[in-house]
């Protein structure tokens, strides 16, 4: 049984993957699991989809829900001391936004804390422009669309934390970076402090 589960959410292109790599460098003992990867693995078996953009566009809502619940159960069945779940609070589809952390998922995961990472939409757009694979698959959104997605994501993160009865920590990085990866390094350090706090509350160490 997993002892501690912390969910880290941000919109695509925010730099979350880099942040979690930095976090793993500081705390090698933690496990970082990409929620979407677990969903895609299952979706590939049953629906023949090849990537996550295809998954969010092609799958029926009920099938998508089943994949989310399956991924949550896989994570909950692990015996790691600390799991960081890398995911999104709001999934943007051609038909509207869908919660990335619906009620049944946060209940199965038994989440201790949700960390919401927020950045300037201009910085997110710049990161997306550098990600040629993302540009090819998704195209480029406007700053206004990114801002809306980030705001909706925050609302969904609040709802998920309320359902999970867990902490919600919002990290805001709107200041210019003074050196490469400043936001990622500082966020990783703040996440380390949060993990230590949660473990201390539980009387655990890592």
N, C-alpha and C. Protein backbone atom coordinates (compact mmCIF):
# COMPACT_ATOMS: atom_id res chain seq x y z
N UNK A 1 0.84 -1.20 0.00
CA UNK A 1 0.00 0.00 0.00
C UNK A 1 0.88 1.26 0.00
N UNK A 2 0.57 2.22 -0.88
CA UNK A 2 1.34 3.46 -0.96
C UNK A 2 1.13 4.27 0.31
N UNK A 3 2.20 4.79 0.86
CA UNK A 3 2.10 5.55 2.11
C UNK A 3 1.76 7.02 1.88
N UNK A 4 2.30 7.60 0.82
CA UNK A 4 2.09 9.02 0.56
C UNK A 4 1.93 9.25 -0.94
N UNK A 5 0.88 10.00 -1.32
CA UNK A 5 0.63 10.31 -2.73
C UNK A 5 0.48 11.82 -2.88
N UNK A 6 1.34 12.39 -3.71
CA UNK A 6 1.27 13.82 -4.03
C UNK A 6 1.06 13.95 -5.53
N UNK A 7 0.05 14.70 -5.92
CA UNK A 7 -0.27 14.89 -7.32
C UNK A 7 0.23 16.27 -7.76
N UNK A 8 0.99 16.29 -8.85
CA UNK A 8 1.52 17.54 -9.39
C UNK A 8 0.85 17.81 -10.73
N UNK A 9 0.20 18.96 -10.86
CA UNK A 9 -0.54 19.27 -12.08
C UNK A 9 -0.12 20.62 -12.65
N UNK A 10 -0.16 20.71 -13.97
CA UNK A 10 0.08 21.95 -14.71
C UNK A 10 -0.42 21.73 -16.12
N UNK A 11 -0.63 22.81 -16.86
CA UNK A 11 -1.07 22.65 -18.24
C UNK A 11 0.09 22.19 -19.11
N UNK A 12 -0.19 21.57 -20.26
CA UNK A 12 0.89 21.12 -21.15
C UNK A 12 1.83 22.27 -21.53
N UNK A 13 3.12 21.98 -21.49
CA UNK A 13 4.10 22.98 -21.86
C UNK A 13 4.56 23.87 -20.73
N UNK A 14 4.07 23.62 -19.52
CA UNK A 14 4.44 24.46 -18.38
C UNK A 14 5.83 24.16 -17.85
N UNK A 15 6.38 23.01 -18.21
CA UNK A 15 7.70 22.63 -17.73
C UNK A 15 7.66 21.65 -16.57
N UNK A 16 6.52 21.00 -16.38
CA UNK A 16 6.33 20.09 -15.25
C UNK A 16 7.30 18.90 -15.29
N UNK A 17 7.53 18.36 -16.49
CA UNK A 17 8.43 17.21 -16.61
C UNK A 17 9.84 17.58 -16.15
N UNK A 18 10.31 18.74 -16.54
CA UNK A 18 11.64 19.20 -16.12
C UNK A 18 11.70 19.38 -14.61
N UNK A 19 10.65 19.95 -14.05
CA UNK A 19 10.59 20.15 -12.59
C UNK A 19 10.67 18.83 -11.86
N UNK A 20 9.94 17.83 -12.33
CA UNK A 20 9.92 16.54 -11.65
C UNK A 20 11.24 15.79 -11.83
N UNK A 21 11.94 16.04 -12.92
CA UNK A 21 13.29 15.47 -13.07
C UNK A 21 14.24 16.07 -12.03
N UNK A 22 14.13 17.39 -11.83
CA UNK A 22 14.94 18.05 -10.82
C UNK A 22 14.59 17.53 -9.43
N UNK A 23 13.30 17.32 -9.18
CA UNK A 23 12.85 16.78 -7.90
C UNK A 23 13.44 15.40 -7.66
N UNK A 24 13.43 14.57 -8.68
CA UNK A 24 13.96 13.21 -8.57
C UNK A 24 15.46 13.23 -8.30
N UNK A 25 16.17 14.23 -8.84
CA UNK A 25 17.60 14.36 -8.58
C UNK A 25 17.87 14.67 -7.11
N UNK A 26 16.99 15.47 -6.51
CA UNK A 26 17.16 15.84 -5.10
C UNK A 26 16.72 14.71 -4.18
N UNK A 27 15.62 14.04 -4.54
CA UNK A 27 15.06 12.95 -3.72
C UNK A 27 14.96 11.68 -4.56
N UNK A 28 16.05 10.97 -4.75
CA UNK A 28 16.03 9.76 -5.61
C UNK A 28 15.10 8.66 -5.11
N UNK A 29 14.75 8.69 -3.83
CA UNK A 29 13.95 7.60 -3.25
C UNK A 29 12.48 7.67 -3.66
N UNK A 30 12.02 8.83 -4.14
CA UNK A 30 10.61 8.94 -4.49
C UNK A 30 10.35 8.29 -5.85
N UNK A 31 9.10 7.96 -6.11
CA UNK A 31 8.69 7.41 -7.40
C UNK A 31 7.83 8.45 -8.13
N UNK A 32 8.19 8.75 -9.36
CA UNK A 32 7.41 9.68 -10.18
C UNK A 32 6.70 8.87 -11.26
N UNK A 33 5.39 8.96 -11.28
CA UNK A 33 4.60 8.17 -12.23
C UNK A 33 3.76 9.10 -13.09
N UNK A 34 3.87 8.92 -14.40
CA UNK A 34 3.08 9.72 -15.32
C UNK A 34 1.72 9.06 -15.52
N UNK A 35 0.68 9.73 -15.08
CA UNK A 35 -0.68 9.19 -15.12
C UNK A 35 -1.11 8.92 -16.57
N UNK A 36 -0.79 9.86 -17.47
CA UNK A 36 -1.18 9.71 -18.87
C UNK A 36 -0.52 8.52 -19.54
N UNK A 37 0.71 8.22 -19.14
CA UNK A 37 1.41 7.07 -19.72
C UNK A 37 0.70 5.77 -19.36
N UNK A 38 0.23 5.67 -18.13
CA UNK A 38 -0.52 4.47 -17.72
C UNK A 38 -1.82 4.35 -18.51
N UNK A 39 -2.49 5.48 -18.70
CA UNK A 39 -3.73 5.46 -19.49
C UNK A 39 -3.45 5.06 -20.93
N UNK A 40 -2.40 5.62 -21.51
CA UNK A 40 -2.08 5.32 -22.91
C UNK A 40 -1.72 3.86 -23.10
N UNK A 41 -0.99 3.30 -22.15
CA UNK A 41 -0.62 1.88 -22.24
C UNK A 41 -1.86 1.00 -22.33
N UNK A 42 -2.85 1.32 -21.51
CA UNK A 42 -4.09 0.54 -21.52
C UNK A 42 -4.92 0.84 -22.77
N UNK A 43 -4.95 2.11 -23.16
CA UNK A 43 -5.72 2.51 -24.35
C UNK A 43 -5.15 1.89 -25.62
N UNK A 44 -3.84 1.74 -25.67
CA UNK A 44 -3.21 1.12 -26.84
C UNK A 44 -3.64 -0.33 -27.00
N UNK A 45 -3.77 -1.02 -25.86
CA UNK A 45 -4.18 -2.42 -25.89
C UNK A 45 -5.61 -2.58 -26.38
N UNK A 46 -6.50 -1.71 -25.89
CA UNK A 46 -7.93 -1.92 -26.11
C UNK A 46 -8.52 -1.10 -27.26
N UNK A 47 -7.89 0.02 -27.58
CA UNK A 47 -8.48 0.91 -28.59
C UNK A 47 -7.54 1.21 -29.75
N UNK A 48 -6.29 0.74 -29.66
CA UNK A 48 -5.36 0.92 -30.76
C UNK A 48 -4.86 2.34 -30.96
N UNK A 49 -5.00 3.20 -29.96
CA UNK A 49 -4.50 4.57 -30.09
C UNK A 49 -2.98 4.56 -29.90
N UNK A 50 -2.32 5.54 -30.52
CA UNK A 50 -0.86 5.55 -30.51
C UNK A 50 -0.26 6.68 -29.70
N UNK A 51 -1.05 7.69 -29.35
CA UNK A 51 -0.53 8.78 -28.53
C UNK A 51 -1.67 9.41 -27.73
N UNK A 52 -1.30 10.27 -26.77
CA UNK A 52 -2.29 10.83 -25.86
C UNK A 52 -3.23 11.83 -26.54
N UNK A 53 -2.73 12.52 -27.56
CA UNK A 53 -3.62 13.45 -28.27
C UNK A 53 -4.71 12.68 -29.01
N UNK A 54 -4.35 11.54 -29.58
CA UNK A 54 -5.34 10.70 -30.23
C UNK A 54 -6.33 10.16 -29.20
N UNK A 55 -5.83 9.83 -28.02
CA UNK A 55 -6.67 9.28 -26.96
C UNK A 55 -7.74 10.28 -26.53
N UNK A 56 -7.35 11.55 -26.35
CA UNK A 56 -8.32 12.54 -25.87
C UNK A 56 -9.30 12.96 -26.96
N UNK A 57 -8.94 12.74 -28.24
CA UNK A 57 -9.82 13.12 -29.34
C UNK A 57 -10.75 12.00 -29.76
N UNK A 58 -10.26 10.76 -29.71
CA UNK A 58 -11.01 9.64 -30.27
C UNK A 58 -11.91 8.93 -29.28
N UNK A 59 -11.48 8.83 -28.03
CA UNK A 59 -12.19 7.95 -27.10
C UNK A 59 -13.49 8.56 -26.60
N UNK A 60 -14.48 7.70 -26.42
CA UNK A 60 -15.73 8.13 -25.81
C UNK A 60 -15.50 8.47 -24.35
N UNK A 61 -16.33 9.33 -23.82
CA UNK A 61 -16.16 9.81 -22.45
C UNK A 61 -16.13 8.65 -21.44
N UNK A 62 -17.02 7.70 -21.59
CA UNK A 62 -17.06 6.57 -20.66
C UNK A 62 -15.77 5.76 -20.71
N UNK A 63 -15.23 5.57 -21.91
CA UNK A 63 -13.97 4.83 -22.05
C UNK A 63 -12.82 5.60 -21.40
N UNK A 64 -12.82 6.92 -21.55
CA UNK A 64 -11.77 7.74 -20.96
C UNK A 64 -11.84 7.65 -19.43
N UNK A 65 -13.05 7.67 -18.90
CA UNK A 65 -13.23 7.53 -17.45
C UNK A 65 -12.69 6.20 -16.95
N UNK A 66 -12.98 5.14 -17.69
CA UNK A 66 -12.50 3.81 -17.30
C UNK A 66 -10.97 3.75 -17.29
N UNK A 67 -10.34 4.41 -18.27
CA UNK A 67 -8.87 4.44 -18.32
C UNK A 67 -8.30 5.19 -17.14
N UNK A 68 -8.92 6.30 -16.76
CA UNK A 68 -8.47 7.06 -15.60
C UNK A 68 -8.55 6.22 -14.33
N UNK A 69 -9.67 5.53 -14.17
CA UNK A 69 -9.86 4.72 -12.96
C UNK A 69 -8.86 3.56 -12.94
N UNK A 70 -8.62 2.96 -14.09
CA UNK A 70 -7.63 1.88 -14.17
C UNK A 70 -6.25 2.38 -13.75
N UNK A 71 -5.85 3.54 -14.26
CA UNK A 71 -4.53 4.08 -13.92
C UNK A 71 -4.44 4.37 -12.43
N UNK A 72 -5.51 4.90 -11.85
CA UNK A 72 -5.52 5.19 -10.41
C UNK A 72 -5.36 3.91 -9.59
N UNK A 73 -6.02 2.84 -10.01
CA UNK A 73 -5.94 1.57 -9.29
C UNK A 73 -4.54 0.96 -9.39
N UNK A 74 -3.91 1.11 -10.56
CA UNK A 74 -2.54 0.62 -10.73
C UNK A 74 -1.60 1.33 -9.75
N UNK A 75 -1.73 2.64 -9.66
CA UNK A 75 -0.88 3.42 -8.75
C UNK A 75 -1.16 3.05 -7.30
N UNK A 76 -2.43 2.94 -6.95
CA UNK A 76 -2.81 2.65 -5.56
C UNK A 76 -2.34 1.27 -5.11
N UNK A 77 -2.11 0.37 -6.06
CA UNK A 77 -1.71 -1.00 -5.71
C UNK A 77 -0.21 -1.12 -5.43
N UNK A 78 0.54 -0.05 -5.72
CA UNK A 78 1.99 -0.10 -5.53
C UNK A 78 2.35 0.04 -4.05
N UNK A 79 3.59 -0.34 -3.73
CA UNK A 79 4.03 -0.33 -2.33
C UNK A 79 5.09 0.74 -2.05
N UNK A 80 5.23 1.69 -2.97
CA UNK A 80 6.22 2.76 -2.79
C UNK A 80 5.90 3.61 -1.55
N UNK A 81 6.94 4.14 -0.93
CA UNK A 81 6.74 5.02 0.22
C UNK A 81 6.15 6.36 -0.19
N UNK A 82 6.69 6.93 -1.27
CA UNK A 82 6.21 8.23 -1.76
C UNK A 82 6.05 8.16 -3.27
N UNK A 83 4.85 8.47 -3.75
CA UNK A 83 4.59 8.52 -5.18
C UNK A 83 4.20 9.94 -5.56
N UNK A 84 4.86 10.45 -6.59
CA UNK A 84 4.48 11.73 -7.19
C UNK A 84 3.75 11.40 -8.49
N UNK A 85 2.50 11.81 -8.59
CA UNK A 85 1.70 11.56 -9.79
C UNK A 85 1.78 12.79 -10.69
N UNK A 86 2.30 12.58 -11.87
CA UNK A 86 2.46 13.63 -12.88
C UNK A 86 1.24 13.59 -13.79
N UNK A 87 0.39 14.65 -13.73
CA UNK A 87 -0.83 14.61 -14.53
C UNK A 87 -1.35 16.02 -14.78
N UNK A 88 -2.56 16.10 -15.31
CA UNK A 88 -3.20 17.39 -15.60
C UNK A 88 -4.53 17.46 -14.86
N UNK A 89 -4.88 18.65 -14.40
CA UNK A 89 -6.15 18.83 -13.67
C UNK A 89 -7.32 18.96 -14.63
N UNK A 90 -7.07 19.51 -15.82
CA UNK A 90 -8.12 19.68 -16.82
C UNK A 90 -7.60 19.22 -18.17
N UNK A 91 -8.35 18.34 -18.82
CA UNK A 91 -7.97 17.83 -20.13
C UNK A 91 -8.74 18.61 -21.19
N UNK A 92 -8.00 19.23 -22.11
CA UNK A 92 -8.63 19.98 -23.18
C UNK A 92 -8.92 19.05 -24.35
N UNK A 93 -10.20 18.92 -24.70
CA UNK A 93 -10.60 18.07 -25.82
C UNK A 93 -11.33 18.93 -26.85
N UNK A 94 -11.56 18.40 -28.04
CA UNK A 94 -12.32 19.18 -29.03
C UNK A 94 -13.74 19.49 -28.59
N UNK A 95 -14.20 18.82 -27.53
CA UNK A 95 -15.60 18.95 -27.10
C UNK A 95 -15.74 19.74 -25.79
N UNK A 96 -14.61 20.20 -25.25
CA UNK A 96 -14.63 20.93 -23.99
C UNK A 96 -13.61 20.37 -23.03
N UNK A 97 -13.58 20.90 -21.82
CA UNK A 97 -12.64 20.44 -20.80
C UNK A 97 -13.23 19.27 -20.02
N UNK A 98 -12.33 18.35 -19.64
CA UNK A 98 -12.74 17.21 -18.82
C UNK A 98 -11.81 17.12 -17.62
N UNK A 99 -12.34 16.83 -16.42
CA UNK A 99 -11.48 16.77 -15.23
C UNK A 99 -10.45 15.66 -15.30
N UNK A 100 -9.19 16.01 -15.07
CA UNK A 100 -8.13 15.02 -15.04
C UNK A 100 -8.08 14.27 -13.73
N UNK A 101 -8.74 14.84 -12.70
CA UNK A 101 -8.78 14.20 -11.38
C UNK A 101 -10.22 14.11 -10.89
N UNK A 102 -11.05 13.30 -11.57
CA UNK A 102 -12.44 13.16 -11.12
C UNK A 102 -12.53 12.50 -9.75
N UNK A 103 -13.69 12.58 -9.16
CA UNK A 103 -13.90 12.15 -7.77
C UNK A 103 -13.40 10.74 -7.50
N UNK A 104 -13.77 9.79 -8.36
CA UNK A 104 -13.39 8.40 -8.10
C UNK A 104 -11.89 8.20 -8.16
N UNK A 105 -11.20 9.00 -8.96
CA UNK A 105 -9.75 8.87 -9.10
C UNK A 105 -9.04 9.33 -7.84
N UNK A 106 -9.40 10.51 -7.33
CA UNK A 106 -8.71 11.00 -6.12
C UNK A 106 -9.04 10.14 -4.91
N UNK A 107 -10.23 9.55 -4.91
CA UNK A 107 -10.58 8.66 -3.79
C UNK A 107 -9.73 7.39 -3.83
N UNK A 108 -9.57 6.81 -5.01
CA UNK A 108 -8.76 5.59 -5.14
C UNK A 108 -7.29 5.89 -4.83
N UNK A 109 -6.79 7.03 -5.28
CA UNK A 109 -5.39 7.38 -5.05
C UNK A 109 -5.11 7.73 -3.59
N UNK A 110 -6.15 8.14 -2.86
CA UNK A 110 -5.97 8.56 -1.46
C UNK A 110 -4.91 9.67 -1.38
N UNK A 111 -5.17 10.75 -2.11
CA UNK A 111 -4.20 11.84 -2.29
C UNK A 111 -3.98 12.60 -0.98
N UNK A 112 -2.71 12.91 -0.71
CA UNK A 112 -2.36 13.71 0.45
C UNK A 112 -2.25 15.19 0.12
N UNK A 113 -1.82 15.51 -1.10
CA UNK A 113 -1.63 16.91 -1.48
C UNK A 113 -1.66 17.03 -3.00
N UNK A 114 -2.27 18.11 -3.47
CA UNK A 114 -2.25 18.45 -4.88
C UNK A 114 -1.44 19.73 -5.03
N UNK A 115 -0.40 19.68 -5.85
CA UNK A 115 0.44 20.85 -6.13
C UNK A 115 0.07 21.36 -7.52
N UNK A 116 -0.41 22.59 -7.57
CA UNK A 116 -0.80 23.21 -8.84
C UNK A 116 0.28 24.20 -9.25
N UNK A 117 0.88 24.00 -10.42
CA UNK A 117 1.97 24.84 -10.90
C UNK A 117 1.44 25.82 -11.93
N UNK A 118 1.66 27.10 -11.67
CA UNK A 118 1.09 28.16 -12.51
C UNK A 118 2.21 29.04 -13.06
N UNK A 119 2.15 29.35 -14.36
CA UNK A 119 3.17 30.14 -15.03
C UNK A 119 2.53 31.20 -15.92
N UNK A 120 3.32 32.16 -16.31
CA UNK A 120 2.83 33.16 -17.27
C UNK A 120 2.46 32.46 -18.57
N UNK A 121 1.28 32.73 -19.13
CA UNK A 121 0.90 32.10 -20.41
C UNK A 121 1.93 32.36 -21.51
N UNK A 122 2.58 33.53 -21.48
CA UNK A 122 3.60 33.83 -22.48
C UNK A 122 4.78 32.86 -22.38
N UNK A 123 5.15 32.50 -21.16
CA UNK A 123 6.26 31.55 -20.97
C UNK A 123 5.86 30.15 -21.42
N UNK A 124 4.62 29.78 -21.14
CA UNK A 124 4.13 28.46 -21.58
C UNK A 124 4.13 28.37 -23.09
N UNK A 125 3.65 29.44 -23.74
CA UNK A 125 3.62 29.46 -25.20
C UNK A 125 5.03 29.34 -25.77
N UNK A 126 5.97 30.03 -25.16
CA UNK A 126 7.37 29.97 -25.62
C UNK A 126 7.92 28.56 -25.49
N UNK A 127 7.60 27.87 -24.39
CA UNK A 127 8.07 26.50 -24.21
C UNK A 127 7.45 25.57 -25.25
N UNK A 128 6.18 25.79 -25.53
CA UNK A 128 5.51 24.95 -26.53
C UNK A 128 6.12 25.16 -27.91
N UNK A 129 6.48 26.39 -28.22
CA UNK A 129 7.08 26.67 -29.52
C UNK A 129 8.40 25.93 -29.71
N UNK A 130 9.10 25.68 -28.60
CA UNK A 130 10.37 24.94 -28.67
C UNK A 130 10.17 23.44 -28.77
N UNK A 131 8.96 22.96 -28.43
CA UNK A 131 8.66 21.54 -28.47
C UNK A 131 8.03 21.22 -29.83
N UNK A 132 8.86 20.83 -30.78
CA UNK A 132 8.39 20.61 -32.14
C UNK A 132 7.36 19.48 -32.24
N UNK A 133 7.51 18.46 -31.39
CA UNK A 133 6.54 17.35 -31.42
C UNK A 133 5.17 17.83 -30.97
N UNK A 134 5.14 18.69 -29.93
CA UNK A 134 3.87 19.23 -29.47
C UNK A 134 3.23 20.11 -30.54
N UNK A 135 4.06 20.92 -31.22
CA UNK A 135 3.55 21.78 -32.28
C UNK A 135 2.94 20.94 -33.40
N UNK A 136 3.64 19.86 -33.75
CA UNK A 136 3.17 19.00 -34.84
C UNK A 136 1.85 18.33 -34.51
N UNK A 137 1.71 17.86 -33.28
CA UNK A 137 0.52 17.09 -32.90
C UNK A 137 -0.66 17.96 -32.50
N UNK A 138 -0.36 19.08 -31.79
CA UNK A 138 -1.44 19.87 -31.22
C UNK A 138 -1.64 21.23 -31.87
N UNK A 139 -0.61 21.71 -32.58
CA UNK A 139 -0.67 23.08 -33.06
C UNK A 139 -0.36 24.03 -31.91
N UNK A 140 -0.36 25.30 -32.20
CA UNK A 140 -0.07 26.30 -31.16
C UNK A 140 -1.34 27.03 -30.74
N UNK A 141 -1.61 27.03 -29.45
CA UNK A 141 -2.74 27.79 -28.93
C UNK A 141 -2.33 29.25 -28.75
N UNK A 142 -3.31 30.12 -28.64
CA UNK A 142 -3.04 31.52 -28.34
C UNK A 142 -2.80 31.69 -26.85
N UNK A 143 -2.26 32.83 -26.47
CA UNK A 143 -2.06 33.14 -25.05
C UNK A 143 -3.39 33.11 -24.31
N UNK A 144 -4.45 33.59 -24.97
CA UNK A 144 -5.78 33.61 -24.33
C UNK A 144 -6.28 32.20 -24.05
N UNK A 145 -6.06 31.27 -24.98
CA UNK A 145 -6.49 29.88 -24.79
C UNK A 145 -5.69 29.23 -23.66
N UNK A 146 -4.40 29.49 -23.62
CA UNK A 146 -3.56 28.94 -22.55
C UNK A 146 -4.00 29.48 -21.19
N UNK A 147 -4.28 30.78 -21.15
CA UNK A 147 -4.74 31.39 -19.90
C UNK A 147 -6.05 30.78 -19.42
N UNK A 148 -6.97 30.56 -20.36
CA UNK A 148 -8.24 29.93 -20.00
C UNK A 148 -8.02 28.52 -19.48
N UNK A 149 -7.19 27.75 -20.18
CA UNK A 149 -6.91 26.38 -19.76
C UNK A 149 -6.31 26.35 -18.35
N UNK A 150 -5.40 27.28 -18.09
CA UNK A 150 -4.76 27.32 -16.78
C UNK A 150 -5.78 27.68 -15.69
N UNK A 151 -6.67 28.61 -16.00
CA UNK A 151 -7.69 29.00 -15.02
C UNK A 151 -8.68 27.87 -14.75
N UNK A 152 -9.11 27.19 -15.81
CA UNK A 152 -10.01 26.04 -15.64
C UNK A 152 -9.31 24.94 -14.85
N UNK A 153 -8.03 24.73 -15.14
CA UNK A 153 -7.27 23.70 -14.42
C UNK A 153 -7.22 24.00 -12.93
N UNK A 154 -7.07 25.26 -12.59
CA UNK A 154 -7.02 25.63 -11.17
C UNK A 154 -8.36 25.34 -10.49
N UNK A 155 -9.44 25.65 -11.19
CA UNK A 155 -10.77 25.35 -10.63
C UNK A 155 -10.94 23.85 -10.40
N UNK A 156 -10.52 23.05 -11.39
CA UNK A 156 -10.64 21.60 -11.26
C UNK A 156 -9.74 21.07 -10.14
N UNK A 157 -8.57 21.68 -9.96
CA UNK A 157 -7.66 21.25 -8.89
C UNK A 157 -8.28 21.54 -7.53
N UNK A 158 -8.94 22.67 -7.40
CA UNK A 158 -9.64 23.02 -6.16
C UNK A 158 -10.73 21.99 -5.87
N UNK A 159 -11.51 21.65 -6.90
CA UNK A 159 -12.58 20.67 -6.73
C UNK A 159 -12.02 19.31 -6.33
N UNK A 160 -10.90 18.92 -6.95
CA UNK A 160 -10.29 17.61 -6.64
C UNK A 160 -9.78 17.59 -5.21
N UNK A 161 -9.16 18.68 -4.75
CA UNK A 161 -8.66 18.73 -3.38
C UNK A 161 -9.80 18.68 -2.38
N UNK A 162 -10.91 19.32 -2.72
CA UNK A 162 -12.08 19.26 -1.85
C UNK A 162 -12.62 17.84 -1.75
N UNK A 163 -12.67 17.16 -2.88
CA UNK A 163 -13.15 15.77 -2.90
C UNK A 163 -12.20 14.86 -2.13
N UNK A 164 -10.90 15.08 -2.30
CA UNK A 164 -9.90 14.23 -1.65
C UNK A 164 -9.70 14.59 -0.18
N UNK A 165 -10.20 15.77 0.21
CA UNK A 165 -9.97 16.28 1.57
C UNK A 165 -8.47 16.35 1.86
N UNK A 166 -7.75 16.92 0.88
CA UNK A 166 -6.30 16.99 1.00
C UNK A 166 -5.83 18.44 0.87
N UNK A 167 -4.54 18.65 1.07
CA UNK A 167 -3.96 19.97 0.88
C UNK A 167 -3.94 20.33 -0.61
N UNK A 168 -4.08 21.64 -0.87
CA UNK A 168 -3.85 22.17 -2.21
C UNK A 168 -2.83 23.29 -2.09
N UNK A 169 -1.71 23.14 -2.78
CA UNK A 169 -0.66 24.15 -2.77
C UNK A 169 -0.51 24.71 -4.18
N UNK A 170 -0.63 26.04 -4.31
CA UNK A 170 -0.51 26.68 -5.61
C UNK A 170 0.84 27.39 -5.70
N UNK A 171 1.63 26.99 -6.67
CA UNK A 171 2.93 27.61 -6.92
C UNK A 171 2.78 28.55 -8.12
N UNK A 172 3.19 29.80 -7.94
CA UNK A 172 3.10 30.77 -9.03
C UNK A 172 4.50 31.23 -9.42
N UNK A 173 4.79 31.13 -10.72
CA UNK A 173 6.09 31.54 -11.24
C UNK A 173 5.88 32.55 -12.37
N UNK A 174 5.62 33.78 -11.96
CA UNK A 174 5.36 34.85 -12.93
C UNK A 174 6.56 35.78 -13.09
N UNK A 175 7.60 35.59 -12.31
CA UNK A 175 8.76 36.46 -12.39
C UNK A 175 9.72 35.94 -13.46
N UNK A 176 10.48 36.84 -14.10
CA UNK A 176 11.44 36.41 -15.13
C UNK A 176 12.55 35.55 -14.52
N UNK A 177 13.02 34.58 -15.26
CA UNK A 177 14.12 33.73 -14.80
C UNK A 177 15.45 34.47 -14.94
N UNK A 178 16.25 34.40 -13.90
CA UNK A 178 17.56 35.05 -13.91
C UNK A 178 18.64 34.12 -14.45
N UNK A 179 18.36 32.83 -14.51
CA UNK A 179 19.30 31.85 -15.04
C UNK A 179 18.50 30.66 -15.56
N UNK A 180 19.09 29.83 -16.43
CA UNK A 180 18.35 28.71 -17.02
C UNK A 180 17.79 27.77 -15.95
N UNK A 181 16.54 27.36 -16.16
CA UNK A 181 15.85 26.39 -15.30
C UNK A 181 15.63 26.92 -13.86
N UNK A 182 15.66 28.23 -13.67
CA UNK A 182 15.44 28.77 -12.33
C UNK A 182 14.10 28.33 -11.75
N UNK A 183 13.03 28.46 -12.55
CA UNK A 183 11.71 28.05 -12.07
C UNK A 183 11.69 26.57 -11.69
N UNK A 184 12.29 25.74 -12.53
CA UNK A 184 12.28 24.29 -12.28
C UNK A 184 13.04 23.95 -11.01
N UNK A 185 14.20 24.55 -10.83
CA UNK A 185 15.02 24.28 -9.64
C UNK A 185 14.33 24.74 -8.37
N UNK A 186 13.78 25.96 -8.41
CA UNK A 186 13.12 26.50 -7.21
C UNK A 186 11.85 25.74 -6.88
N UNK A 187 11.10 25.35 -7.92
CA UNK A 187 9.88 24.58 -7.68
C UNK A 187 10.21 23.21 -7.11
N UNK A 188 11.24 22.56 -7.64
CA UNK A 188 11.64 21.25 -7.13
C UNK A 188 12.00 21.33 -5.65
N UNK A 189 12.71 22.38 -5.26
CA UNK A 189 13.08 22.55 -3.86
C UNK A 189 11.86 22.77 -2.98
N UNK A 190 10.89 23.52 -3.49
CA UNK A 190 9.66 23.75 -2.71
C UNK A 190 8.87 22.46 -2.57
N UNK A 191 8.86 21.65 -3.63
CA UNK A 191 8.17 20.36 -3.55
C UNK A 191 8.84 19.44 -2.54
N UNK A 192 10.16 19.47 -2.47
CA UNK A 192 10.89 18.68 -1.47
C UNK A 192 10.42 19.06 -0.07
N UNK A 193 10.31 20.34 0.20
CA UNK A 193 9.87 20.79 1.53
C UNK A 193 8.45 20.31 1.83
N UNK A 194 7.58 20.32 0.80
CA UNK A 194 6.21 19.85 1.00
C UNK A 194 6.19 18.35 1.31
N UNK A 195 6.97 17.59 0.57
CA UNK A 195 7.03 16.15 0.80
C UNK A 195 7.50 15.86 2.22
N UNK A 196 8.54 16.55 2.65
CA UNK A 196 9.06 16.35 4.00
C UNK A 196 8.01 16.71 5.04
N UNK A 197 7.25 17.76 4.77
CA UNK A 197 6.19 18.17 5.69
C UNK A 197 5.11 17.09 5.82
N UNK A 198 4.66 16.57 4.68
CA UNK A 198 3.64 15.52 4.69
C UNK A 198 4.15 14.29 5.43
N UNK A 199 5.38 13.89 5.13
CA UNK A 199 5.95 12.72 5.80
C UNK A 199 6.08 12.94 7.31
N UNK A 200 6.48 14.14 7.69
CA UNK A 200 6.60 14.45 9.11
C UNK A 200 5.25 14.36 9.80
N UNK A 201 4.21 14.85 9.14
CA UNK A 201 2.87 14.76 9.72
C UNK A 201 2.46 13.30 9.95
N UNK A 202 2.92 12.44 9.06
CA UNK A 202 2.57 11.02 9.16
C UNK A 202 3.54 10.22 10.02
N UNK A 203 4.58 10.90 10.50
CA UNK A 203 5.57 10.20 11.29
C UNK A 203 6.46 9.30 10.47
N UNK A 204 6.68 9.69 9.18
CA UNK A 204 7.47 8.87 8.26
C UNK A 204 8.70 9.65 7.83
N UNK A 205 9.65 8.94 7.23
CA UNK A 205 10.85 9.56 6.67
C UNK A 205 11.12 8.95 5.31
N UNK A 206 11.92 9.64 4.50
CA UNK A 206 12.30 9.11 3.19
C UNK A 206 13.75 9.44 2.90
